[in-house]
Amino acid sequence: MNLRQLRDRFFQQEDINFLLTNRIPRIALTRFMGWFSKIEQPQVRDASIALWRMFAELDLSEAKNRKFKSLHECFIRELKPGARPIDVDPSIVVSPCDAIVGACGQVADARAFQAKGFSYALTDLLGKSGLAREYQQGSYVTLRLTSSMYHRFHAPHDCRVKRVTYISGDTWNVNPIALKRVERLFCKNERVVIDVQLQAGGHRIALVPVAAVLVASIRLHFIDVLLHLRYRGPNEIACDARFVKGDELGWFQH
């Protein structure tokens, strides 16, 4: 059995996985990671990326650049042009990011599911009852990014963004093990609600990037502020930004 198989076998033990990634000083470690990842020192960078490879399936073959000054630069890497062809069919709404589909379905009684048996109210997620009412008859999909994935997200269609809401919170792990154990997890974690209006038909989509342990900063191109645990407001941020399907909106970072 090689090292990777031992790693997988170890972390597949749910009690151990949950303990090591959640029963820790989550916020303190997340803040430390935000500082540590930006250290531009070759030995620190190389050791950090090597350790990352030990615990994740990190593939840099699609990266636009293969040389990084820091772990931070590697984490927020861009992809080569054309790496993700965008469906130009105007009837298609594309995924905003690389991800694993964790859950999807119809909104029922203004609630969605994070895992079997665990539902949450849209009002709790979005922070506003008025916005939640927009989606009472809608659909939802949960897109989970693993640590090694491309962490930038894009416009799902030609659209306009007029408002962003920042909601401070915790930094629970968002892996399937935690989602089965922590009720309303997405409503407890730090997150940003991006109120998107599609140009075709005026339909609305709420994009909600949710932070997680070690990854709790969100950068949006159209807002000149980094949204993270030390951000002190305002929570409602007015804007007026237009995007073409596939345009980059922002990214997660440590």
C-alpha atoms as a PDB file:
ATOM      1  CA  MET A   1       0.000   0.000   0.000  1.00  0.00           C
ATOM      2  CA  ASN A   2       1.500   3.355  -1.059  1.00  0.00           C
ATOM      3  CA  LEU A   3       1.347   6.678   0.781  1.00  0.00           C
ATOM      4  CA  ARG A   4      -1.647   7.959  -1.193  1.00  0.00           C
ATOM      5  CA  GLN A   5      -3.667   4.829  -0.467  1.00  0.00           C
ATOM      6  CA  LEU A   6      -2.825   5.116   3.227  1.00  0.00           C
ATOM      7  CA  ARG A   7      -3.909   8.758   3.157  1.00  0.00           C
ATOM      8  CA  ASP A   8      -7.226   7.927   1.504  1.00  0.00           C
ATOM      9  CA  ARG A   9      -7.903   5.058   3.873  1.00  0.00           C
ATOM     10  CA  PHE A  10      -7.161   7.264   6.880  1.00  0.00           C
ATOM     11  CA  PHE A  11      -9.363  10.180   5.838  1.00  0.00           C
ATOM     12  CA  GLN A  12     -12.224   7.912   4.783  1.00  0.00           C
ATOM     13  CA  GLN A  13     -12.744   7.211   8.472  1.00  0.00           C
ATOM     14  CA  GLU A  14     -15.493   9.739   9.032  1.00  0.00           C
ATOM     15  CA  ASP A  15     -14.971  10.342  12.751  1.00  0.00           C
ATOM     16  CA  ILE A  16     -11.276  11.088  12.237  1.00  0.00           C
ATOM     17  CA  ASN A  17     -11.944  13.247   9.173  1.00  0.00           C
ATOM     18  CA  PHE A  18     -14.554  15.313  10.994  1.00  0.00           C
ATOM     19  CA  LEU A  19     -12.389  15.673  14.087  1.00  0.00           C
ATOM     20  CA  LEU A  20      -9.264  16.811  12.234  1.00  0.00           C
ATOM     21  CA  THR A  21     -11.016  19.257   9.905  1.00  0.00           C
ATOM     22  CA  ASN A  22     -13.669  20.693  12.220  1.00  0.00           C
ATOM     23  CA  ARG A  23     -12.880  20.185  15.918  1.00  0.00           C
ATOM     24  CA  ILE A  24      -9.996  22.595  15.660  1.00  0.00           C
ATOM     25  CA  PRO A  25      -9.679  26.389  16.115  1.00  0.00           C
ATOM     26  CA  ARG A  26     -11.169  26.891  12.643  1.00  0.00           C
ATOM     27  CA  ILE A  27     -11.228  30.665  12.437  1.00  0.00           C
ATOM     28  CA  ALA A  28      -7.754  31.132  13.951  1.00  0.00           C
ATOM     29  CA  LEU A  29      -6.236  28.552  11.590  1.00  0.00           C
ATOM     30  CA  THR A  30      -8.035  30.082   8.624  1.00  0.00           C
ATOM     31  CA  ARG A  31      -6.635  33.532   9.419  1.00  0.00           C
ATOM     32  CA  PHE A  32      -3.166  32.039   9.838  1.00  0.00           C
ATOM     33  CA  MET A  33      -3.471  30.306   6.468  1.00  0.00           C
ATOM     34  CA  GLY A  34      -4.398  33.603   4.834  1.00  0.00           C
ATOM     35  CA  TRP A  35      -1.099  35.063   6.045  1.00  0.00           C
ATOM     36  CA  PHE A  36       1.054  31.972   5.522  1.00  0.00           C
ATOM     37  CA  SER A  37      -0.073  31.283   1.945  1.00  0.00           C
ATOM     38  CA  LYS A  38       1.234  34.673   0.780  1.00  0.00           C
ATOM     39  CA  ILE A  39       4.819  34.110   1.945  1.00  0.00           C
ATOM     40  CA  GLU A  40       6.997  34.558  -1.151  1.00  0.00           C
ATOM     41  CA  GLN A  41       9.924  32.403  -0.102  1.00  0.00           C
ATOM     42  CA  PRO A  42      10.948  29.525  -2.413  1.00  0.00           C
ATOM     43  CA  GLN A  43      11.477  26.924   0.317  1.00  0.00           C
ATOM     44  CA  VAL A  44       8.160  27.743   1.995  1.00  0.00           C
ATOM     45  CA  ARG A  45       6.345  27.771  -1.363  1.00  0.00           C
ATOM     46  CA  ASP A  46       7.805  24.456  -2.539  1.00  0.00           C
ATOM     47  CA  ALA A  47       7.246  22.679   0.778  1.00  0.00           C
ATOM     48  CA  SER A  48       3.662  23.965   0.968  1.00  0.00           C
ATOM     49  CA  ILE A  49       2.762  22.825  -2.538  1.00  0.00           C
ATOM     50  CA  ALA A  50       4.464  19.450  -1.975  1.00  0.00           C
ATOM     51  CA  LEU A  51       2.452  18.941   1.224  1.00  0.00           C
ATOM     52  CA  TRP A  52      -0.707  19.976  -0.607  1.00  0.00           C
ATOM     53  CA  ARG A  53      -0.022  17.328  -3.260  1.00  0.00           C
ATOM     54  CA  MET A  54       0.244  14.686  -0.515  1.00  0.00           C
ATOM     55  CA  PHE A  55      -3.306  15.388   0.643  1.00  0.00           C
ATOM     56  CA  ALA A  56      -5.046  16.276  -2.627  1.00  0.00           C
ATOM     57  CA  GLU A  57      -5.104  15.375  -6.316  1.00  0.00           C
ATOM     58  CA  LEU A  58      -3.429  18.612  -7.399  1.00  0.00           C
ATOM     59  CA  ASP A  59      -3.148  18.839 -11.200  1.00  0.00           C
ATOM     60  CA  LEU A  60      -1.456  21.926 -12.628  1.00  0.00           C
ATOM     61  CA  SER A  61      -1.397  20.761 -16.258  1.00  0.00           C
ATOM     62  CA  GLU A  62      -4.229  23.169 -17.195  1.00  0.00           C
ATOM     63  CA  ALA A  63      -2.756  26.154 -15.352  1.00  0.00           C
ATOM     64  CA  LYS A  64      -2.009  29.258 -17.419  1.00  0.00           C
ATOM     65  CA  ASN A  65       1.267  29.692 -15.539  1.00  0.00           C
ATOM     66  CA  ARG A  66       3.274  26.914 -13.913  1.00  0.00           C
ATOM     67  CA  LYS A  67       5.589  29.099 -11.856  1.00  0.00           C
ATOM     68  CA  PHE A  68       4.259  30.678  -8.681  1.00  0.00           C
ATOM     69  CA  LYS A  69       5.714  33.079  -6.146  1.00  0.00           C
ATOM     70  CA  SER A  70       3.698  31.591  -3.300  1.00  0.00           C
ATOM     71  CA  LEU A  71       1.119  28.998  -2.305  1.00  0.00           C
ATOM     72  CA  HIS A  72      -1.467  31.762  -2.698  1.00  0.00           C
ATOM     73  CA  GLU A  73      -0.601  32.253  -6.376  1.00  0.00           C
ATOM     74  CA  CYS A  74      -0.877  28.521  -6.976  1.00  0.00           C
ATOM     75  CA  PHE A  75      -4.248  28.316  -5.234  1.00  0.00           C
ATOM     76  CA  ILE A  76      -5.838  31.160  -7.235  1.00  0.00           C
ATOM     77  CA  ARG A  77      -4.223  30.082 -10.526  1.00  0.00           C
ATOM     78  CA  GLU A  78      -5.860  30.871 -13.838  1.00  0.00           C
ATOM     79  CA  LEU A  79      -6.450  28.266 -16.545  1.00  0.00           C
ATOM     80  CA  LYS A  80      -5.054  28.201 -20.053  1.00  0.00           C
ATOM     81  CA  PRO A  81      -7.252  29.996 -22.621  1.00  0.00           C
ATOM     82  CA  GLY A  82      -9.865  27.589 -23.968  1.00  0.00           C
ATOM     83  CA  ALA A  83      -9.490  25.093 -21.122  1.00  0.00           C
ATOM     84  CA  ARG A  84     -13.216  25.409 -20.381  1.00  0.00           C
ATOM     85  CA  PRO A  85     -15.180  25.916 -23.639  1.00  0.00           C
ATOM     86  CA  ILE A  86     -18.392  27.859 -22.995  1.00  0.00           C
ATOM     87  CA  ASP A  87     -21.660  26.656 -24.565  1.00  0.00           C
ATOM     88  CA  VAL A  88     -22.872  29.615 -26.643  1.00  0.00           C
ATOM     89  CA  ASP A  89     -26.471  28.350 -26.820  1.00  0.00           C
ATOM     90  CA  PRO A  90     -28.507  31.184 -25.214  1.00  0.00           C
ATOM     91  CA  SER A  91     -30.941  28.653 -23.730  1.00  0.00           C
ATOM     92  CA  ILE A  92     -28.146  27.089 -21.657  1.00  0.00           C
ATOM     93  CA  VAL A  93     -27.075  28.339 -18.232  1.00  0.00           C
ATOM     94  CA  VAL A  94     -23.554  27.043 -17.596  1.00  0.00           C
ATOM     95  CA  SER A  95     -21.920  26.038 -14.344  1.00  0.00           C
ATOM     96  CA  PRO A  96     -20.093  28.985 -12.765  1.00  0.00           C
ATOM     97  CA  CYS A  97     -17.175  26.838 -11.607  1.00  0.00           C
ATOM     98  CA  ASP A  98     -15.399  23.507 -11.612  1.00  0.00           C
ATOM     99  CA  ALA A  99     -17.208  21.429  -9.011  1.00  0.00           C
ATOM    100  CA  ILE A 100     -18.787  18.223  -7.817  1.00  0.00           C
ATOM    101  CA  VAL A 101     -22.591  18.352  -7.635  1.00  0.00           C
ATOM    102  CA  GLY A 102     -23.402  17.746  -3.989  1.00  0.00           C
ATOM    103  CA  ALA A 103     -27.176  18.207  -4.139  1.00  0.00           C
ATOM    104  CA  CYS A 104     -29.837  19.554  -6.462  1.00  0.00           C
ATOM    105  CA  GLY A 105     -33.589  19.715  -6.759  1.00  0.00           C
ATOM    106  CA  GLN A 106     -36.678  21.864  -6.508  1.00  0.00           C
ATOM    107  CA  VAL A 107     -37.111  24.371  -3.720  1.00  0.00           C
ATOM    108  CA  ALA A 108     -40.014  23.198  -1.521  1.00  0.00           C
ATOM    109  CA  ASP A 109     -41.605  25.345   1.204  1.00  0.00           C
ATOM    110  CA  ALA A 110     -38.746  27.828   0.701  1.00  0.00           C
ATOM    111  CA  ARG A 111     -36.237  25.171   1.753  1.00  0.00           C
ATOM    112  CA  ALA A 112     -33.376  23.304   0.075  1.00  0.00           C
ATOM    113  CA  PHE A 113     -31.323  20.271   1.136  1.00  0.00           C
ATOM    114  CA  GLN A 114     -27.621  20.150   1.976  1.00  0.00           C
ATOM    115  CA  ALA A 115     -27.683  16.379   2.651  1.00  0.00           C
ATOM    116  CA  LYS A 116     -30.236  13.635   3.171  1.00  0.00           C
ATOM    117  CA  GLY A 117     -32.460  14.626   6.078  1.00  0.00           C
ATOM    118  CA  PHE A 118     -30.819  18.050   6.506  1.00  0.00           C
ATOM    119  CA  SER A 119     -32.668  20.983   4.973  1.00  0.00           C
ATOM    120  CA  TYR A 120     -32.243  24.721   5.422  1.00  0.00           C
ATOM    121  CA  ALA A 121     -34.425  27.765   4.832  1.00  0.00           C
ATOM    122  CA  LEU A 122     -33.540  30.013   1.910  1.00  0.00           C
ATOM    123  CA  THR A 123     -34.058  33.011   4.197  1.00  0.00           C
ATOM    124  CA  ASP A 124     -31.297  31.708   6.477  1.00  0.00           C
ATOM    125  CA  LEU A 125     -28.947  31.208   3.532  1.00  0.00           C
ATOM    126  CA  LEU A 126     -29.647  34.455   1.693  1.00  0.00           C
ATOM    127  CA  GLY A 127     -30.165  36.642   4.747  1.00  0.00           C
ATOM    128  CA  LYS A 128     -33.264  38.294   3.333  1.00  0.00           C
ATOM    129  CA  SER A 129     -36.836  37.076   3.245  1.00  0.00           C
ATOM    130  CA  GLY A 130     -37.575  39.256   0.212  1.00  0.00           C
ATOM    131  CA  LEU A 131     -34.811  37.694  -1.854  1.00  0.00           C
ATOM    132  CA  ALA A 132     -35.781  34.213  -0.682  1.00  0.00           C
ATOM    133  CA  ARG A 133     -39.330  34.752  -1.970  1.00  0.00           C
ATOM    134  CA  GLU A 134     -37.907  35.147  -5.481  1.00  0.00           C
ATOM    135  CA  TYR A 135     -36.893  31.473  -5.436  1.00  0.00           C
ATOM    136  CA  GLN A 136     -39.818  29.775  -3.686  1.00  0.00           C
ATOM    137  CA  GLN A 137     -40.756  28.001  -6.914  1.00  0.00           C
ATOM    138  CA  GLY A 138     -37.197  27.667  -8.143  1.00  0.00           C
ATOM    139  CA  SER A 139     -34.450  25.085  -8.281  1.00  0.00           C
ATOM    140  CA  TYR A 140     -31.138  24.801  -6.478  1.00  0.00           C
ATOM    141  CA  VAL A 141     -27.825  23.082  -7.024  1.00  0.00           C
ATOM    142  CA  THR A 142     -24.927  22.757  -4.588  1.00  0.00           C
ATOM    143  CA  LEU A 143     -21.515  22.858  -6.294  1.00  0.00           C
ATOM    144  CA  ARG A 144     -18.625  21.701  -4.112  1.00  0.00           C
ATOM    145  CA  LEU A 145     -15.039  22.623  -4.903  1.00  0.00           C
ATOM    146  CA  THR A 146     -12.341  20.371  -3.499  1.00  0.00           C
ATOM    147  CA  SER A 147      -9.100  21.956  -2.321  1.00  0.00           C
ATOM    148  CA  SER A 148      -7.142  21.062  -5.466  1.00  0.00           C
ATOM    149  CA  MET A 149      -9.694  22.399  -7.956  1.00  0.00           C
ATOM    150  CA  TYR A 150      -9.629  25.629  -9.947  1.00  0.00           C
ATOM    151  CA  HIS A 151     -11.040  28.196  -7.493  1.00  0.00           C
ATOM    152  CA  ARG A 152     -12.264  30.944  -9.803  1.00  0.00           C
ATOM    153  CA  PHE A 153     -15.943  31.326 -10.680  1.00  0.00           C
ATOM    154  CA  HIS A 154     -17.642  32.782 -13.743  1.00  0.00           C
ATOM    155  CA  ALA A 155     -20.881  34.254 -15.063  1.00  0.00           C
ATOM    156  CA  PRO A 156     -23.369  31.450 -15.831  1.00  0.00           C
ATOM    157  CA  HIS A 157     -25.028  33.569 -18.539  1.00  0.00           C
ATOM    158  CA  ASP A 158     -25.067  37.107 -19.919  1.00  0.00           C
ATOM    159  CA  CYS A 159     -26.075  38.978 -16.798  1.00  0.00           C
ATOM    160  CA  ARG A 160     -26.030  42.046 -14.588  1.00  0.00           C
ATOM    161  CA  VAL A 161     -25.088  42.250 -10.906  1.00  0.00           C
ATOM    162  CA  LYS A 162     -26.537  45.170  -8.960  1.00  0.00           C
ATOM    163  CA  ARG A 163     -26.082  44.012  -5.380  1.00  0.00           C
ATOM    164  CA  VAL A 164     -23.803  41.867  -3.265  1.00  0.00           C
ATOM    165  CA  THR A 165     -24.474  40.883   0.347  1.00  0.00           C
ATOM    166  CA  TYR A 166     -21.652  39.780   2.636  1.00  0.00           C
ATOM    167  CA  ILE A 167     -22.656  37.557   5.577  1.00  0.00           C
ATOM    168  CA  SER A 168     -19.977  36.886   8.182  1.00  0.00           C
ATOM    169  CA  GLY A 169     -19.892  33.490   9.841  1.00  0.00           C
ATOM    170  CA  ASP A 170     -17.956  30.365  10.737  1.00  0.00           C
ATOM    171  CA  THR A 171     -15.563  28.265   8.666  1.00  0.00           C
ATOM    172  CA  TRP A 172     -16.787  24.685   8.972  1.00  0.00           C
ATOM    173  CA  ASN A 173     -15.435  22.210   6.462  1.00  0.00           C
ATOM    174  CA  VAL A 174     -17.974  21.768   3.656  1.00  0.00           C
ATOM    175  CA  ASN A 175     -17.106  18.198   2.689  1.00  0.00           C
ATOM    176  CA  PRO A 176     -19.844  15.511   2.624  1.00  0.00           C
ATOM    177  CA  ILE A 177     -18.865  14.228   6.068  1.00  0.00           C
ATOM    178  CA  ALA A 178     -19.463  17.621   7.674  1.00  0.00           C
ATOM    179  CA  LEU A 179     -22.655  18.187   5.685  1.00  0.00           C
ATOM    180  CA  LYS A 180     -24.118  15.015   7.231  1.00  0.00           C
ATOM    181  CA  ARG A 181     -23.288  16.181  10.767  1.00  0.00           C
ATOM    182  CA  VAL A 182     -23.671  19.955  10.960  1.00  0.00           C
ATOM    183  CA  GLU A 183     -27.219  21.155  10.398  1.00  0.00           C
ATOM    184  CA  ARG A 184     -27.706  24.291   8.275  1.00  0.00           C
ATOM    185  CA  LEU A 185     -23.962  24.374   7.630  1.00  0.00           C
ATOM    186  CA  PHE A 186     -24.153  26.686   4.610  1.00  0.00           C
ATOM    187  CA  CYS A 187     -26.213  29.126   6.701  1.00  0.00           C
ATOM    188  CA  LYS A 188     -23.576  29.153   9.439  1.00  0.00           C
ATOM    189  CA  ASN A 189     -20.482  29.686   7.314  1.00  0.00           C
ATOM    190  CA  GLU A 190     -19.182  32.974   5.964  1.00  0.00           C
ATOM    191  CA  ARG A 191     -20.639  33.632   2.506  1.00  0.00           C
ATOM    192  CA  VAL A 192     -21.433  36.168  -0.186  1.00  0.00           C
ATOM    193  CA  VAL A 193     -24.796  36.440  -1.923  1.00  0.00           C
ATOM    194  CA  ILE A 194     -24.436  37.665  -5.514  1.00  0.00           C
ATOM    195  CA  ASP A 195     -27.813  38.768  -6.860  1.00  0.00           C
ATOM    196  CA  VAL A 196     -27.646  38.041 -10.596  1.00  0.00           C
ATOM    197  CA  GLN A 197     -30.196  39.132 -13.182  1.00  0.00           C
ATOM    198  CA  LEU A 198     -30.027  37.386 -16.544  1.00  0.00           C
ATOM    199  CA  GLN A 199     -30.262  39.639 -19.585  1.00  0.00           C
ATOM    200  CA  ALA A 200     -32.480  37.097 -21.328  1.00  0.00           C
ATOM    201  CA  GLY A 201     -35.914  37.345 -19.737  1.00  0.00           C
ATOM    202  CA  GLY A 202     -34.778  39.091 -16.573  1.00  0.00           C
ATOM    203  CA  HIS A 203     -34.686  35.872 -14.571  1.00  0.00           C
ATOM    204  CA  ARG A 204     -32.720  35.974 -11.321  1.00  0.00           C
ATOM    205  CA  ILE A 205     -30.082  33.631  -9.967  1.00  0.00           C
ATOM    206  CA  ALA A 206     -28.546  33.826  -6.511  1.00  0.00           C
ATOM    207  CA  LEU A 207     -24.905  32.752  -6.586  1.00  0.00           C
ATOM    208  CA  VAL A 208     -23.714  32.068  -3.037  1.00  0.00           C
ATOM    209  CA  PRO A 209     -19.972  31.375  -2.676  1.00  0.00           C
ATOM    210  CA  VAL A 210     -19.587  29.783   0.778  1.00  0.00           C
ATOM    211  CA  ALA A 211     -16.285  29.903   2.640  1.00  0.00           C
ATOM    212  CA  ALA A 212     -14.742  26.910   4.407  1.00  0.00           C
ATOM    213  CA  VAL A 213     -11.970  26.071   6.822  1.00  0.00           C
ATOM    214  CA  LEU A 214      -8.645  27.504   5.540  1.00  0.00           C
ATOM    215  CA  VAL A 215     -10.432  29.124   2.563  1.00  0.00           C
ATOM    216  CA  ALA A 216     -12.453  32.071   3.820  1.00  0.00           C
ATOM    217  CA  SER A 217     -11.662  35.026   1.573  1.00  0.00           C
ATOM    218  CA  ILE A 218     -13.660  35.936  -1.505  1.00  0.00           C
ATOM    219  CA  ARG A 219     -12.490  38.426  -4.126  1.00  0.00           C
ATOM    220  CA  LEU A 220     -14.925  39.879  -6.669  1.00  0.00           C
ATOM    221  CA  HIS A 221     -13.616  41.767  -9.697  1.00  0.00           C
ATOM    222  CA  PHE A 222     -16.366  44.364  -9.575  1.00  0.00           C
ATOM    223  CA  ILE A 223     -15.975  45.315  -5.884  1.00  0.00           C
ATOM    224  CA  ASP A 224     -12.791  46.941  -4.661  1.00  0.00           C
ATOM    225  CA  VAL A 225     -12.633  45.129  -1.324  1.00  0.00           C
ATOM    226  CA  LEU A 226     -11.578  41.676  -0.142  1.00  0.00           C
ATOM    227  CA  LEU A 227     -14.468  39.966   1.655  1.00  0.00           C
ATOM    228  CA  HIS A 228     -13.192  37.929   4.597  1.00  0.00           C
ATOM    229  CA  LEU A 229     -13.500  37.371   8.349  1.00  0.00           C
ATOM    230  CA  ARG A 230     -11.988  40.756   9.209  1.00  0.00           C
ATOM    231  CA  TYR A 231     -14.295  42.704   6.893  1.00  0.00           C
ATOM    232  CA  ARG A 232     -16.451  45.094   8.935  1.00  0.00           C
ATOM    233  CA  GLY A 233     -18.985  46.274   6.409  1.00  0.00           C
ATOM    234  CA  PRO A 234     -21.082  47.536   4.897  1.00  0.00           C
ATOM    235  CA  ASN A 235     -22.780  44.185   4.418  1.00  0.00           C
ATOM    236  CA  GLU A 236     -24.953  45.428   1.560  1.00  0.00           C
ATOM    237  CA  ILE A 237     -22.750  46.527  -1.329  1.00  0.00           C
ATOM    238  CA  ALA A 238     -24.400  48.245  -4.286  1.00  0.00           C
ATOM    239  CA  CYS A 239     -22.810  47.811  -7.696  1.00  0.00           C
ATOM    240  CA  ASP A 240     -23.672  47.769 -11.369  1.00  0.00           C
ATOM    241  CA  ALA A 241     -21.603  45.254 -13.298  1.00  0.00           C
ATOM    242  CA  ARG A 242     -22.417  43.512 -16.569  1.00  0.00           C
ATOM    243  CA  PHE A 243     -20.969  40.217 -17.714  1.00  0.00           C
ATOM    244  CA  VAL A 244     -20.998  37.966 -20.755  1.00  0.00           C
ATOM    245  CA  LYS A 245     -21.457  34.244 -20.197  1.00  0.00           C
ATOM    246  CA  GLY A 246     -18.139  32.819 -19.031  1.00  0.00           C
ATOM    247  CA  ASP A 247     -16.644  36.111 -17.816  1.00  0.00           C
ATOM    248  CA  GLU A 248     -14.729  35.749 -14.583  1.00  0.00           C
ATOM    249  CA  LEU A 249     -16.579  37.092 -11.526  1.00  0.00           C
ATOM    250  CA  GLY A 250     -14.002  36.383  -8.837  1.00  0.00           C
ATOM    251  CA  TRP A 251     -12.278  33.695  -6.822  1.00  0.00           C
ATOM    252  CA  PHE A 252     -11.802  32.054  -3.433  1.00  0.00           C
ATOM    253  CA  GLN A 253      -8.516  32.437  -1.607  1.00  0.00           C
ATOM    254  CA  HIS A 254      -7.000  31.519   1.741  1.00  0.00           C
END
